[in-house]
Amino acid sequence: QVMHGYIKYLLQREVKSIAWLEELKKEVTC
């Protein structure tokens, strides 16, 4: 159960960093 929560946390963190990178790319290309 703890492991499942940890994996979920890691996935959410990954998604946030990916979204942040996408935003950064948009800023740079504009």
N, C-alpha and C. Protein backbone atom coordinates (compact mmCIF):
# COMPACT_ATOMS: atom_id res chain seq x y z
N GLN A 1 0.83 -1.20 0.00
CA GLN A 1 0.00 0.00 0.00
C GLN A 1 0.87 1.26 0.00
N VAL A 2 1.90 1.25 0.83
CA VAL A 2 2.80 2.40 0.89
C VAL A 2 3.51 2.58 -0.45
N MET A 3 3.94 1.45 -1.03
CA MET A 3 4.65 1.50 -2.31
C MET A 3 3.76 2.10 -3.38
N HIS A 4 2.49 1.73 -3.37
CA HIS A 4 1.54 2.24 -4.36
C HIS A 4 1.43 3.76 -4.25
N GLY A 5 1.34 4.26 -3.04
CA GLY A 5 1.25 5.70 -2.82
C GLY A 5 2.50 6.40 -3.30
N TYR A 6 3.65 5.76 -3.09
CA TYR A 6 4.93 6.35 -3.49
C TYR A 6 5.04 6.44 -5.01
N ILE A 7 4.59 5.37 -5.68
CA ILE A 7 4.62 5.34 -7.15
C ILE A 7 3.70 6.43 -7.70
N LYS A 8 2.53 6.57 -7.08
CA LYS A 8 1.58 7.59 -7.49
C LYS A 8 2.20 8.98 -7.35
N TYR A 9 2.89 9.17 -6.23
CA TYR A 9 3.55 10.45 -5.97
C TYR A 9 4.62 10.75 -7.02
N LEU A 10 5.41 9.73 -7.34
CA LEU A 10 6.47 9.90 -8.35
C LEU A 10 5.87 10.24 -9.71
N LEU A 11 4.79 9.56 -10.07
CA LEU A 11 4.15 9.81 -11.36
C LEU A 11 3.63 11.24 -11.44
N GLN A 12 3.00 11.71 -10.36
CA GLN A 12 2.48 13.07 -10.34
C GLN A 12 3.61 14.07 -10.49
N ARG A 13 4.74 13.78 -9.83
CA ARG A 13 5.89 14.67 -9.90
C ARG A 13 6.44 14.71 -11.32
N GLU A 14 6.48 13.54 -11.97
CA GLU A 14 6.95 13.46 -13.36
C GLU A 14 6.06 14.29 -14.27
N VAL A 15 4.76 14.13 -14.11
CA VAL A 15 3.79 14.85 -14.95
C VAL A 15 3.98 16.35 -14.80
N LYS A 16 4.19 16.80 -13.55
CA LYS A 16 4.38 18.23 -13.30
C LYS A 16 5.63 18.73 -13.99
N SER A 17 6.72 17.99 -13.88
CA SER A 17 7.98 18.44 -14.48
C SER A 17 7.89 18.43 -16.00
N ILE A 18 7.15 17.47 -16.57
CA ILE A 18 6.98 17.42 -18.02
C ILE A 18 6.16 18.63 -18.48
N ALA A 19 5.09 18.94 -17.74
CA ALA A 19 4.26 20.09 -18.08
C ALA A 19 5.09 21.37 -18.00
N TRP A 20 5.95 21.44 -17.00
CA TRP A 20 6.81 22.61 -16.82
C TRP A 20 7.78 22.75 -17.98
N LEU A 21 8.34 21.63 -18.42
CA LEU A 21 9.27 21.65 -19.55
C LEU A 21 8.57 22.11 -20.83
N GLU A 22 7.34 21.65 -21.01
CA GLU A 22 6.56 22.05 -22.19
C GLU A 22 6.34 23.56 -22.19
N GLU A 23 6.00 24.10 -21.02
CA GLU A 23 5.79 25.54 -20.89
C GLU A 23 7.06 26.29 -21.22
N LEU A 24 8.17 25.77 -20.74
CA LEU A 24 9.47 26.39 -20.98
C LEU A 24 9.78 26.41 -22.47
N LYS A 25 9.48 25.31 -23.15
CA LYS A 25 9.72 25.22 -24.59
C LYS A 25 8.91 26.28 -25.33
N LYS A 26 7.65 26.46 -24.92
CA LYS A 26 6.79 27.45 -25.55
C LYS A 26 7.39 28.84 -25.39
N GLU A 27 7.87 29.14 -24.19
CA GLU A 27 8.47 30.44 -23.91
C GLU A 27 9.66 30.68 -24.83
N VAL A 28 10.49 29.66 -24.99
CA VAL A 28 11.71 29.79 -25.79
C VAL A 28 11.39 29.95 -27.27
N THR A 29 10.43 29.19 -27.78
CA THR A 29 10.14 29.22 -29.21
C THR A 29 9.42 30.50 -29.63
N CYS A 30 8.72 31.16 -28.74
CA CYS A 30 7.98 32.38 -29.07
C CYS A 30 8.93 33.52 -29.42
